Amino acid sequence: MKQLSRSRKVFYRLLHIKPSPLRQGKNGPYIFIHINKTAGTSIGRAIGLPVKDHLTAKEIIAKIGEDKWQEAYKFTLVRNPWDKVVSLYEYRRKKDKNRIATQNVSFADWVKMTHGSGRDTRYYDNPKSFQPQVEWLKDTNGKVSIDFVGQFESINESFNHVRTVIGLDAELPHLNASRRAGYRSYYDDETRELVERWYSEDIERFGYAF
């Protein structure tokens, strides 16, 4: 199964093909909305998605049409915004994205340049990566019409629920795990408030707290 998944991934990449976000399970069609830095790679691998594709609800609807969108079971994972921001920062440091590691850009400075009022386009280079998670889930009418929103913090329970609904016999692999200090240690009062304002809708809708 793993070898088949790898082969499909190579095939799609070689031909520059983007597979349909609409998948077929034993119990009907389903769609996984992969929000960045929410362990979506693990979910995608488990359900057999050949490539990693970060598409919003609006982008998926544009690809498959409103009728198929409405027919499918739609699910996603979200994450505590303060933790998610730290994860994105550390990922970019590891990759030295925009020379963030080379120039030793601190977390506090990076948050101010990406989530503050004076955003620096050197670091705020991909708005989609920084947008509130709820924005990923809004349809063309601005409504969140997702059947199940799981949480990163309880990923095993969330995945068990999803695989039961879609009829999938698969285990959840553990990928892209990183060891670091707890996210709260990264913040001071200013950066905590910046993230709170930026992701206020996520915090309210999904019940998160610092």
N, C-alpha and C. Protein backbone atom coordinates (compact mmCIF):
# COMPACT_ATOMS: atom_id res chain seq x y z
N MET A 1 0.83 -1.20 0.00
CA MET A 1 0.00 0.00 0.00
C MET A 1 0.87 1.25 0.00
N LYS A 2 1.90 1.26 0.87
CA LYS A 2 2.79 2.41 0.93
C LYS A 2 3.55 2.59 -0.38
N GLN A 3 4.01 1.45 -0.97
CA GLN A 3 4.74 1.52 -2.22
C GLN A 3 3.85 2.04 -3.34
N LEU A 4 2.58 1.62 -3.34
CA LEU A 4 1.64 2.09 -4.34
C LEU A 4 1.41 3.59 -4.21
N SER A 5 1.30 4.06 -2.97
CA SER A 5 1.10 5.49 -2.74
C SER A 5 2.29 6.29 -3.23
N ARG A 6 3.51 5.78 -2.98
CA ARG A 6 4.72 6.47 -3.45
C ARG A 6 4.75 6.50 -4.97
N SER A 7 4.39 5.39 -5.60
CA SER A 7 4.40 5.32 -7.06
C SER A 7 3.42 6.32 -7.67
N ARG A 8 2.25 6.44 -7.08
CA ARG A 8 1.28 7.41 -7.56
C ARG A 8 1.81 8.83 -7.41
N LYS A 9 2.46 9.08 -6.30
CA LYS A 9 3.01 10.41 -6.05
C LYS A 9 4.03 10.79 -7.10
N VAL A 10 4.94 9.86 -7.41
CA VAL A 10 5.95 10.10 -8.44
C VAL A 10 5.30 10.29 -9.80
N PHE A 11 4.30 9.47 -10.10
CA PHE A 11 3.60 9.55 -11.39
C PHE A 11 2.97 10.93 -11.59
N TYR A 12 2.25 11.39 -10.58
CA TYR A 12 1.59 12.70 -10.70
C TYR A 12 2.60 13.83 -10.83
N ARG A 13 3.70 13.72 -10.10
CA ARG A 13 4.71 14.78 -10.18
C ARG A 13 5.39 14.82 -11.53
N LEU A 14 5.71 13.65 -12.07
CA LEU A 14 6.39 13.60 -13.37
C LEU A 14 5.52 14.18 -14.47
N LEU A 15 4.24 13.94 -14.40
CA LEU A 15 3.32 14.43 -15.44
C LEU A 15 2.71 15.79 -15.10
N HIS A 16 3.13 16.34 -13.95
CA HIS A 16 2.60 17.64 -13.52
C HIS A 16 1.07 17.64 -13.45
N ILE A 17 0.55 16.54 -12.95
CA ILE A 17 -0.90 16.38 -12.84
C ILE A 17 -1.33 16.63 -11.39
N LYS A 18 -2.37 17.41 -11.23
CA LYS A 18 -2.96 17.60 -9.91
C LYS A 18 -4.18 16.68 -9.80
N PRO A 19 -4.16 15.70 -8.91
CA PRO A 19 -5.31 14.81 -8.78
C PRO A 19 -6.52 15.56 -8.25
N SER A 20 -7.68 15.03 -8.51
CA SER A 20 -8.90 15.67 -8.05
C SER A 20 -8.97 15.65 -6.53
N PRO A 21 -9.39 16.75 -5.91
CA PRO A 21 -9.57 16.75 -4.46
C PRO A 21 -10.77 15.92 -4.02
N LEU A 22 -11.59 15.51 -4.97
CA LEU A 22 -12.75 14.67 -4.68
C LEU A 22 -12.33 13.21 -4.72
N ARG A 23 -12.43 12.52 -3.60
CA ARG A 23 -12.03 11.13 -3.49
C ARG A 23 -13.27 10.25 -3.26
N GLN A 24 -13.11 8.98 -3.56
CA GLN A 24 -14.23 8.05 -3.40
C GLN A 24 -13.92 7.05 -2.30
N GLY A 25 -14.75 7.03 -1.28
CA GLY A 25 -14.61 6.06 -0.21
C GLY A 25 -15.67 4.98 -0.33
N LYS A 26 -15.60 4.00 0.55
CA LYS A 26 -16.59 2.92 0.52
C LYS A 26 -18.00 3.44 0.75
N ASN A 27 -18.09 4.52 1.52
CA ASN A 27 -19.40 5.05 1.87
C ASN A 27 -19.79 6.30 1.08
N GLY A 28 -19.03 6.59 0.01
CA GLY A 28 -19.37 7.74 -0.81
C GLY A 28 -18.20 8.68 -1.01
N PRO A 29 -18.40 9.76 -1.77
CA PRO A 29 -17.32 10.70 -2.05
C PRO A 29 -16.96 11.54 -0.83
N TYR A 30 -15.71 11.93 -0.75
CA TYR A 30 -15.27 12.78 0.35
C TYR A 30 -14.20 13.76 -0.11
N ILE A 31 -14.04 14.82 0.66
CA ILE A 31 -13.05 15.86 0.38
C ILE A 31 -12.33 16.20 1.67
N PHE A 32 -11.01 16.22 1.60
CA PHE A 32 -10.20 16.64 2.74
C PHE A 32 -9.59 18.00 2.43
N ILE A 33 -9.90 18.99 3.25
CA ILE A 33 -9.30 20.31 3.10
C ILE A 33 -8.05 20.36 3.97
N HIS A 34 -6.91 20.43 3.31
CA HIS A 34 -5.62 20.35 3.98
C HIS A 34 -5.10 21.75 4.30
N ILE A 35 -5.37 22.21 5.51
CA ILE A 35 -4.84 23.48 5.99
C ILE A 35 -3.39 23.28 6.39
N ASN A 36 -2.54 24.22 6.03
CA ASN A 36 -1.11 24.06 6.31
C ASN A 36 -0.84 24.01 7.82
N LYS A 37 0.17 23.21 8.18
CA LYS A 37 0.66 23.05 9.56
C LYS A 37 -0.41 22.51 10.52
N THR A 38 -1.22 21.58 10.04
CA THR A 38 -2.22 20.95 10.91
C THR A 38 -2.13 19.43 10.88
N ALA A 39 -0.96 18.91 10.52
CA ALA A 39 -0.74 17.46 10.39
C ALA A 39 -1.51 16.87 9.23
N GLY A 40 -1.84 17.69 8.25
CA GLY A 40 -2.57 17.22 7.09
C GLY A 40 -1.81 16.23 6.24
N THR A 41 -0.47 16.30 6.29
CA THR A 41 0.34 15.34 5.54
C THR A 41 0.08 13.92 6.03
N SER A 42 -0.04 13.76 7.34
CA SER A 42 -0.33 12.45 7.91
C SER A 42 -1.71 11.95 7.47
N ILE A 43 -2.69 12.84 7.50
CA ILE A 43 -4.04 12.48 7.07
C ILE A 43 -4.04 12.12 5.59
N GLY A 44 -3.40 12.96 4.78
CA GLY A 44 -3.36 12.72 3.34
C GLY A 44 -2.71 11.40 3.00
N ARG A 45 -1.62 11.07 3.70
CA ARG A 45 -0.95 9.79 3.47
C ARG A 45 -1.86 8.62 3.85
N ALA A 46 -2.58 8.78 4.94
CA ALA A 46 -3.44 7.69 5.41
C ALA A 46 -4.60 7.41 4.46
N ILE A 47 -5.14 8.47 3.85
CA ILE A 47 -6.29 8.27 2.96
C ILE A 47 -5.88 8.10 1.51
N GLY A 48 -4.56 8.06 1.26
CA GLY A 48 -4.08 7.72 -0.07
C GLY A 48 -3.99 8.87 -1.05
N LEU A 49 -3.94 10.11 -0.56
CA LEU A 49 -3.76 11.23 -1.48
C LEU A 49 -2.35 11.19 -2.05
N PRO A 50 -2.19 11.19 -3.36
CA PRO A 50 -0.87 11.02 -3.97
C PRO A 50 0.05 12.22 -3.84
N VAL A 51 -0.49 13.41 -3.70
CA VAL A 51 0.33 14.61 -3.55
C VAL A 51 -0.29 15.50 -2.49
N LYS A 52 0.56 16.39 -1.95
CA LYS A 52 0.09 17.34 -0.95
C LYS A 52 -0.42 18.58 -1.67
N ASP A 53 -1.66 18.93 -1.43
CA ASP A 53 -2.26 20.06 -2.14
C ASP A 53 -3.07 20.88 -1.14
N HIS A 54 -2.67 22.12 -0.95
CA HIS A 54 -3.37 23.01 -0.02
C HIS A 54 -4.40 23.82 -0.78
N LEU A 55 -5.63 23.33 -0.82
CA LEU A 55 -6.70 24.03 -1.53
C LEU A 55 -7.78 24.47 -0.55
N THR A 56 -8.26 25.69 -0.73
CA THR A 56 -9.36 26.18 0.09
C THR A 56 -10.68 25.62 -0.44
N ALA A 57 -11.73 25.81 0.34
CA ALA A 57 -13.06 25.36 -0.10
C ALA A 57 -13.44 26.01 -1.43
N LYS A 58 -13.20 27.30 -1.55
CA LYS A 58 -13.53 28.02 -2.79
C LYS A 58 -12.77 27.44 -3.98
N GLU A 59 -11.49 27.12 -3.78
CA GLU A 59 -10.68 26.57 -4.87
C GLU A 59 -11.16 25.18 -5.27
N ILE A 60 -11.57 24.41 -4.29
CA ILE A 60 -12.08 23.06 -4.58
C ILE A 60 -13.40 23.15 -5.34
N ILE A 61 -14.28 24.03 -4.91
CA ILE A 61 -15.56 24.21 -5.61
C ILE A 61 -15.33 24.62 -7.06
N ALA A 62 -14.34 25.49 -7.28
CA ALA A 62 -14.03 25.92 -8.64
C ALA A 62 -13.54 24.76 -9.50
N LYS A 63 -12.89 23.78 -8.87
CA LYS A 63 -12.37 22.62 -9.60
C LYS A 63 -13.44 21.58 -9.91
N ILE A 64 -14.29 21.30 -8.94
CA ILE A 64 -15.21 20.17 -9.09
C ILE A 64 -16.66 20.57 -9.31
N GLY A 65 -16.99 21.81 -9.02
CA GLY A 65 -18.37 22.26 -9.19
C GLY A 65 -19.17 22.19 -7.90
N GLU A 66 -20.20 23.00 -7.82
CA GLU A 66 -21.01 23.11 -6.62
C GLU A 66 -21.75 21.82 -6.29
N ASP A 67 -22.27 21.14 -7.31
CA ASP A 67 -23.05 19.92 -7.07
C ASP A 67 -22.22 18.83 -6.40
N LYS A 68 -21.03 18.59 -6.92
CA LYS A 68 -20.16 17.56 -6.33
C LYS A 68 -19.69 17.96 -4.94
N TRP A 69 -19.47 19.25 -4.75
CA TRP A 69 -19.09 19.75 -3.43
C TRP A 69 -20.19 19.44 -2.41
N GLN A 70 -21.42 19.69 -2.78
CA GLN A 70 -22.54 19.47 -1.87
C GLN A 70 -22.74 17.99 -1.58
N GLU A 71 -22.45 17.13 -2.55
CA GLU A 71 -22.68 15.69 -2.38
C GLU A 71 -21.63 15.03 -1.48
N ALA A 72 -20.44 15.60 -1.43
CA ALA A 72 -19.32 14.95 -0.74
C ALA A 72 -19.33 15.21 0.77
N TYR A 73 -18.75 14.26 1.49
CA TYR A 73 -18.48 14.44 2.91
C TYR A 73 -17.19 15.24 3.02
N LYS A 74 -17.25 16.36 3.72
CA LYS A 74 -16.12 17.29 3.77
C LYS A 74 -15.56 17.37 5.19
N PHE A 75 -14.25 17.24 5.30
CA PHE A 75 -13.64 17.30 6.63
C PHE A 75 -12.29 18.00 6.58
N THR A 76 -11.83 18.42 7.74
CA THR A 76 -10.55 19.11 7.85
C THR A 76 -10.02 18.97 9.26
N LEU A 77 -8.80 19.45 9.48
CA LEU A 77 -8.21 19.57 10.81
C LEU A 77 -7.82 21.01 11.04
N VAL A 78 -8.03 21.49 12.26
CA VAL A 78 -7.57 22.82 12.65
C VAL A 78 -6.63 22.68 13.84
N ARG A 79 -5.96 23.78 14.17
CA ARG A 79 -4.94 23.74 15.21
C ARG A 79 -4.98 25.03 16.03
N ASN A 80 -4.60 24.93 17.28
CA ASN A 80 -4.49 26.13 18.11
C ASN A 80 -3.65 27.18 17.37
N PRO A 81 -4.19 28.37 17.12
CA PRO A 81 -3.47 29.36 16.31
C PRO A 81 -2.10 29.73 16.84
N TRP A 82 -1.96 29.86 18.15
CA TRP A 82 -0.65 30.22 18.70
C TRP A 82 0.38 29.11 18.43
N ASP A 83 -0.06 27.87 18.55
CA ASP A 83 0.81 26.73 18.26
C ASP A 83 1.11 26.65 16.76
N LYS A 84 0.11 26.90 15.95
CA LYS A 84 0.27 26.83 14.49
C LYS A 84 1.28 27.87 14.00
N VAL A 85 1.23 29.06 14.55
CA VAL A 85 2.17 30.12 14.15
C VAL A 85 3.60 29.72 14.50
N VAL A 86 3.79 29.14 15.68
CA VAL A 86 5.13 28.67 16.07
C VAL A 86 5.60 27.58 15.11
N SER A 87 4.72 26.66 14.77
CA SER A 87 5.07 25.58 13.86
C SER A 87 5.50 26.12 12.50
N LEU A 88 4.78 27.12 12.00
CA LEU A 88 5.13 27.71 10.71
C LEU A 88 6.48 28.41 10.78
N TYR A 89 6.72 29.12 11.86
CA TYR A 89 8.01 29.79 12.04
C TYR A 89 9.15 28.78 12.06
N GLU A 90 9.00 27.73 12.85
CA GLU A 90 10.07 26.73 12.96
C GLU A 90 10.29 25.99 11.64
N TYR A 91 9.22 25.74 10.92
CA TYR A 91 9.35 25.10 9.60
C TYR A 91 10.15 26.00 8.67
N ARG A 92 9.86 27.27 8.68
CA ARG A 92 10.57 28.20 7.80
C ARG A 92 12.02 28.39 8.24
N ARG A 93 12.25 28.33 9.53
CA ARG A 93 13.64 28.39 10.01
C ARG A 93 14.42 27.17 9.53
N LYS A 94 13.83 26.01 9.63
CA LYS A 94 14.49 24.78 9.22
C LYS A 94 14.82 24.81 7.73
N LYS A 95 13.91 25.36 6.92
CA LYS A 95 14.13 25.45 5.48
C LYS A 95 14.92 26.70 5.09
N ASP A 96 15.20 27.55 6.07
CA ASP A 96 15.84 28.86 5.84
C ASP A 96 15.08 29.66 4.79
N LYS A 97 13.76 29.59 4.90
CA LYS A 97 12.89 30.31 3.97
C LYS A 97 13.10 31.81 4.14
N ASN A 98 13.32 32.50 3.03
CA ASN A 98 13.57 33.94 3.06
C ASN A 98 14.75 34.29 3.97
N ARG A 99 15.66 33.33 4.11
CA ARG A 99 16.89 33.50 4.91
C ARG A 99 16.57 33.83 6.37
N ILE A 100 15.48 33.29 6.83
CA ILE A 100 15.05 33.57 8.20
C ILE A 100 16.05 33.03 9.23
N ALA A 101 16.68 31.88 8.91
CA ALA A 101 17.69 31.32 9.81
C ALA A 101 19.03 32.00 9.61
N THR A 102 19.42 32.20 8.37
CA THR A 102 20.70 32.84 8.06
C THR A 102 20.80 34.21 8.71
N GLN A 103 19.71 34.95 8.67
CA GLN A 103 19.69 36.30 9.23
C GLN A 103 19.26 36.32 10.69
N ASN A 104 19.06 35.12 11.25
CA ASN A 104 18.71 34.98 12.67
C ASN A 104 17.52 35.85 13.06
N VAL A 105 16.45 35.75 12.28
CA VAL A 105 15.23 36.51 12.56
C VAL A 105 14.52 35.87 13.75
N SER A 106 14.33 36.63 14.79
CA SER A 106 13.69 36.08 16.00
C SER A 106 12.21 35.84 15.77
N PHE A 107 11.64 35.00 16.62
CA PHE A 107 10.21 34.73 16.51
C PHE A 107 9.39 36.00 16.69
N ALA A 108 9.76 36.81 17.68
CA ALA A 108 9.01 38.04 17.94
C ALA A 108 9.03 38.97 16.74
N ASP A 109 10.21 39.15 16.15
CA ASP A 109 10.31 40.03 14.98
C ASP A 109 9.53 39.47 13.80
N TRP A 110 9.62 38.16 13.62
CA TRP A 110 8.92 37.52 12.50
C TRP A 110 7.40 37.67 12.64
N VAL A 111 6.89 37.48 13.85
CA VAL A 111 5.45 37.64 14.07
C VAL A 111 5.01 39.07 13.77
N LYS A 112 5.80 40.03 14.20
CA LYS A 112 5.45 41.43 13.93
C LYS A 112 5.47 41.74 12.44
N MET A 113 6.38 41.11 11.71
CA MET A 113 6.51 41.38 10.28
C MET A 113 5.51 40.59 9.44
N THR A 114 4.88 39.60 10.04
CA THR A 114 3.91 38.79 9.28
C THR A 114 2.47 38.96 9.78
N HIS A 115 2.30 39.33 11.03
CA HIS A 115 0.96 39.45 11.60
C HIS A 115 0.67 40.85 12.14
N GLY A 116 1.65 41.73 12.06
CA GLY A 116 1.46 43.09 12.54
C GLY A 116 0.89 44.00 11.47
N SER A 117 0.74 45.27 11.81
CA SER A 117 0.14 46.23 10.87
C SER A 117 1.07 46.55 9.71
N GLY A 118 2.38 46.53 9.96
CA GLY A 118 3.33 46.83 8.89
C GLY A 118 3.98 45.56 8.38
N ARG A 119 3.23 44.78 7.61
CA ARG A 119 3.73 43.48 7.16
C ARG A 119 4.86 43.66 6.15
N ASP A 120 5.87 42.83 6.32
CA ASP A 120 7.04 42.84 5.44
C ASP A 120 6.88 41.73 4.41
N THR A 121 6.80 42.09 3.15
CA THR A 121 6.54 41.10 2.10
C THR A 121 7.69 40.11 1.91
N ARG A 122 8.84 40.40 2.47
CA ARG A 122 9.93 39.41 2.41
C ARG A 122 9.55 38.16 3.21
N TYR A 123 8.78 38.35 4.26
CA TYR A 123 8.40 37.24 5.12
C TYR A 123 6.91 36.89 4.98
N TYR A 124 6.11 37.90 4.75
CA TYR A 124 4.68 37.67 4.48
C TYR A 124 4.55 37.46 2.97
N ASP A 125 5.11 36.34 2.52
CA ASP A 125 5.27 36.10 1.09
C ASP A 125 4.17 35.23 0.49
N ASN A 126 3.42 34.58 1.33
CA ASN A 126 2.36 33.69 0.86
C ASN A 126 1.14 33.87 1.77
N PRO A 127 0.30 34.85 1.48
CA PRO A 127 -0.83 35.15 2.37
C PRO A 127 -1.68 33.95 2.75
N LYS A 128 -1.78 33.00 1.85
CA LYS A 128 -2.59 31.81 2.13
C LYS A 128 -2.07 31.04 3.33
N SER A 129 -0.76 31.02 3.51
CA SER A 129 -0.16 30.30 4.64
C SER A 129 -0.49 30.94 5.98
N PHE A 130 -0.80 32.24 5.94
CA PHE A 130 -1.03 32.99 7.17
C PHE A 130 -2.51 33.26 7.45
N GLN A 131 -3.37 32.97 6.48
CA GLN A 131 -4.77 33.34 6.67
C GLN A 131 -5.42 32.51 7.78
N PRO A 132 -6.41 33.07 8.46
CA PRO A 132 -7.13 32.31 9.49
C PRO A 132 -7.66 31.00 8.92
N GLN A 133 -7.69 29.99 9.74
CA GLN A 133 -8.10 28.67 9.27
C GLN A 133 -9.55 28.66 8.78
N VAL A 134 -10.38 29.47 9.41
CA VAL A 134 -11.78 29.50 9.00
C VAL A 134 -11.93 29.99 7.56
N GLU A 135 -10.97 30.80 7.08
CA GLU A 135 -11.04 31.28 5.70
C GLU A 135 -10.84 30.14 4.70
N TRP A 136 -10.10 29.13 5.09
CA TRP A 136 -9.93 27.96 4.23
C TRP A 136 -11.25 27.23 4.00
N LEU A 137 -12.16 27.39 4.94
CA LEU A 137 -13.37 26.56 4.96
C LEU A 137 -14.61 27.25 4.41
N LYS A 138 -14.51 28.52 4.09
CA LYS A 138 -15.68 29.27 3.62
C LYS A 138 -15.94 28.99 2.15
N ASP A 139 -17.22 28.74 1.84
CA ASP A 139 -17.60 28.48 0.46
C ASP A 139 -17.79 29.79 -0.30
N THR A 140 -18.33 29.71 -1.49
CA THR A 140 -18.47 30.90 -2.33
C THR A 140 -19.47 31.91 -1.76
N ASN A 141 -20.27 31.48 -0.80
CA ASN A 141 -21.21 32.38 -0.13
C ASN A 141 -20.68 32.88 1.21
N GLY A 142 -19.43 32.53 1.50
CA GLY A 142 -18.83 32.96 2.76
C GLY A 142 -19.26 32.16 3.96
N LYS A 143 -19.87 31.00 3.73
CA LYS A 143 -20.34 30.16 4.82
C LYS A 143 -19.43 28.94 5.00
N VAL A 144 -19.29 28.50 6.23
CA VAL A 144 -18.53 27.29 6.53
C VAL A 144 -19.50 26.11 6.46
N SER A 145 -19.34 25.30 5.44
CA SER A 145 -20.26 24.16 5.25
C SER A 145 -19.46 22.86 5.24
N ILE A 146 -18.71 22.64 6.32
CA ILE A 146 -17.86 21.46 6.47
C ILE A 146 -18.57 20.48 7.40
N ASP A 147 -18.56 19.21 7.04
CA ASP A 147 -19.26 18.21 7.84
C ASP A 147 -18.56 17.90 9.15
N PHE A 148 -17.24 17.91 9.12
CA PHE A 148 -16.50 17.58 10.35
C PHE A 148 -15.21 18.38 10.42
N VAL A 149 -15.03 19.09 11.53
CA VAL A 149 -13.80 19.83 11.80
C VAL A 149 -13.11 19.16 12.98
N GLY A 150 -12.07 18.39 12.68
CA GLY A 150 -11.29 17.76 13.73
C GLY A 150 -10.22 18.71 14.24
N GLN A 151 -9.57 18.31 15.31
CA GLN A 151 -8.53 19.16 15.89
C GLN A 151 -7.20 18.43 15.96
N PHE A 152 -6.16 19.16 15.64
CA PHE A 152 -4.80 18.65 15.70
C PHE A 152 -4.50 18.07 17.08
N GLU A 153 -5.03 18.71 18.11
CA GLU A 153 -4.74 18.31 19.48
C GLU A 153 -5.35 16.96 19.84
N SER A 154 -6.31 16.52 19.07
CA SER A 154 -6.92 15.19 19.28
C SER A 154 -6.99 14.46 17.95
N ILE A 155 -5.86 14.44 17.26
CA ILE A 155 -5.83 13.95 15.88
C ILE A 155 -6.25 12.48 15.76
N ASN A 156 -5.87 11.66 16.71
CA ASN A 156 -6.22 10.23 16.61
C ASN A 156 -7.73 10.02 16.70
N GLU A 157 -8.37 10.71 17.64
CA GLU A 157 -9.82 10.61 17.76
C GLU A 157 -10.50 11.17 16.52
N SER A 158 -9.98 12.28 16.01
CA SER A 158 -10.56 12.89 14.82
C SER A 158 -10.45 11.96 13.62
N PHE A 159 -9.28 11.35 13.46
CA PHE A 159 -9.08 10.47 12.31
C PHE A 159 -9.94 9.21 12.43
N ASN A 160 -10.07 8.68 13.63
CA ASN A 160 -10.91 7.50 13.81
C ASN A 160 -12.36 7.79 13.43
N HIS A 161 -12.82 8.98 13.77
CA HIS A 161 -14.18 9.37 13.39
C HIS A 161 -14.32 9.44 11.87
N VAL A 162 -13.35 10.09 11.22
CA VAL A 162 -13.41 10.27 9.77
C VAL A 162 -13.36 8.94 9.04
N ARG A 163 -12.46 8.07 9.44
CA ARG A 163 -12.32 6.82 8.70
C ARG A 163 -13.55 5.93 8.86
N THR A 164 -14.24 6.06 9.98
CA THR A 164 -15.49 5.32 10.15
C THR A 164 -16.56 5.85 9.20
N VAL A 165 -16.63 7.16 9.09
CA VAL A 165 -17.65 7.78 8.24
C VAL A 165 -17.42 7.47 6.77
N ILE A 166 -16.17 7.59 6.30
CA ILE A 166 -15.91 7.39 4.87
C ILE A 166 -15.68 5.93 4.51
N GLY A 167 -15.54 5.08 5.52
CA GLY A 167 -15.35 3.65 5.26
C GLY A 167 -13.94 3.33 4.83
N LEU A 168 -12.98 3.70 5.66
CA LEU A 168 -11.57 3.53 5.32
C LEU A 168 -10.88 2.67 6.36
N ASP A 169 -10.17 1.65 5.89
CA ASP A 169 -9.40 0.79 6.77
C ASP A 169 -7.94 1.19 6.65
N ALA A 170 -7.50 2.11 7.49
CA ALA A 170 -6.14 2.63 7.40
C ALA A 170 -5.68 3.11 8.76
N GLU A 171 -4.38 3.12 8.94
CA GLU A 171 -3.78 3.64 10.16
C GLU A 171 -3.19 5.02 9.89
N LEU A 172 -3.11 5.81 10.92
CA LEU A 172 -2.58 7.16 10.79
C LEU A 172 -1.07 7.16 11.02
N PRO A 173 -0.28 7.48 9.99
CA PRO A 173 1.17 7.55 10.18
C PRO A 173 1.55 8.83 10.91
N HIS A 174 2.71 8.81 11.52
CA HIS A 174 3.18 10.00 12.23
C HIS A 174 4.31 10.61 11.41
N LEU A 175 4.00 11.73 10.77
CA LEU A 175 4.96 12.38 9.88
C LEU A 175 5.20 13.82 10.32
N ASN A 176 6.32 14.34 9.90
CA ASN A 176 6.65 15.75 10.12
C ASN A 176 6.56 16.17 11.58
N ALA A 177 6.82 15.23 12.48
CA ALA A 177 6.82 15.58 13.90
C ALA A 177 8.10 16.31 14.25
N SER A 178 8.00 17.31 15.10
CA SER A 178 9.19 18.07 15.49
C SER A 178 9.21 18.22 17.01
N ARG A 179 10.39 18.17 17.56
CA ARG A 179 10.55 18.34 19.00
C ARG A 179 10.98 19.78 19.27
N ARG A 180 10.21 20.45 20.08
CA ARG A 180 10.54 21.82 20.43
C ARG A 180 9.86 22.16 21.75
N ALA A 181 10.22 23.31 22.30
CA ALA A 181 9.60 23.75 23.54
C ALA A 181 8.13 24.04 23.31
N GLY A 182 7.35 24.06 24.38
CA GLY A 182 5.94 24.38 24.26
C GLY A 182 5.74 25.75 23.62
N TYR A 183 4.68 25.89 22.86
CA TYR A 183 4.50 27.12 22.08
C TYR A 183 4.40 28.37 22.95
N ARG A 184 3.88 28.25 24.17
CA ARG A 184 3.71 29.43 25.02
C ARG A 184 5.04 30.11 25.34
N SER A 185 6.12 29.33 25.37
CA SER A 185 7.42 29.90 25.71
C SER A 185 7.96 30.83 24.63
N TYR A 186 7.39 30.80 23.45
CA TYR A 186 7.84 31.65 22.35
C TYR A 186 7.30 33.08 22.46
N TYR A 187 6.25 33.26 23.22
CA TYR A 187 5.49 34.50 23.16
C TYR A 187 5.80 35.47 24.29
N ASP A 188 5.69 36.76 23.94
CA ASP A 188 5.58 37.81 24.94
C ASP A 188 4.17 38.39 24.81
N ASP A 189 3.85 39.38 25.60
CA ASP A 189 2.49 39.92 25.58
C ASP A 189 2.11 40.48 24.21
N GLU A 190 3.06 41.16 23.57
CA GLU A 190 2.76 41.79 22.28
C GLU A 190 2.47 40.76 21.19
N THR A 191 3.33 39.76 21.08
CA THR A 191 3.13 38.77 20.02
C THR A 191 1.90 37.89 20.30
N ARG A 192 1.66 37.64 21.56
CA ARG A 192 0.45 36.87 21.91
C ARG A 192 -0.80 37.62 21.45
N GLU A 193 -0.83 38.92 21.68
CA GLU A 193 -2.00 39.72 21.29
C GLU A 193 -2.12 39.86 19.78
N LEU A 194 -0.99 39.96 19.09
CA LEU A 194 -1.02 40.04 17.63
C LEU A 194 -1.67 38.80 17.02
N VAL A 195 -1.26 37.65 17.51
CA VAL A 195 -1.82 36.39 17.00
C VAL A 195 -3.29 36.26 17.40
N GLU A 196 -3.62 36.70 18.61
CA GLU A 196 -5.01 36.63 19.06
C GLU A 196 -5.92 37.48 18.17
N ARG A 197 -5.48 38.66 17.80
CA ARG A 197 -6.29 39.52 16.93
C ARG A 197 -6.40 38.94 15.52
N TRP A 198 -5.28 38.43 15.02
CA TRP A 198 -5.24 37.92 13.64
C TRP A 198 -6.17 36.72 13.47
N TYR A 199 -6.16 35.84 14.46
CA TYR A 199 -6.92 34.59 14.36
C TYR A 199 -8.14 34.60 15.29
N SER A 200 -8.70 35.77 15.52
CA SER A 200 -9.81 35.88 16.48
C SER A 200 -11.00 35.01 16.10
N GLU A 201 -11.28 34.91 14.80
CA GLU A 201 -12.42 34.09 14.37
C GLU A 201 -12.16 32.61 14.60
N ASP A 202 -10.92 32.17 14.37
CA ASP A 202 -10.55 30.78 14.67
C ASP A 202 -10.72 30.48 16.16
N ILE A 203 -10.22 31.40 16.97
CA ILE A 203 -10.23 31.20 18.42
C ILE A 203 -11.66 31.07 18.94
N GLU A 204 -12.53 31.93 18.43
CA GLU A 204 -13.93 31.91 18.87
C GLU A 204 -14.67 30.69 18.32
N ARG A 205 -14.52 30.42 17.04
CA ARG A 205 -15.28 29.33 16.41
C ARG A 205 -14.85 27.96 16.91
N PHE A 206 -13.54 27.76 17.07
CA PHE A 206 -13.03 26.43 17.39
C PHE A 206 -12.70 26.26 18.87
N GLY A 207 -12.93 27.30 19.67
CA GLY A 207 -12.81 27.18 21.12
C GLY A 207 -11.39 27.11 21.65
N TYR A 208 -10.49 27.83 21.01
CA TYR A 208 -9.09 27.79 21.45
C TYR A 208 -8.78 28.89 22.46
N ALA A 209 -7.75 28.65 23.26
CA ALA A 209 -7.26 29.63 24.22
C ALA A 209 -5.75 29.51 24.29
N PHE A 210 -5.10 30.56 24.71
CA PHE A 210 -3.65 30.55 24.80
C PHE A 210 -3.17 29.54 25.84
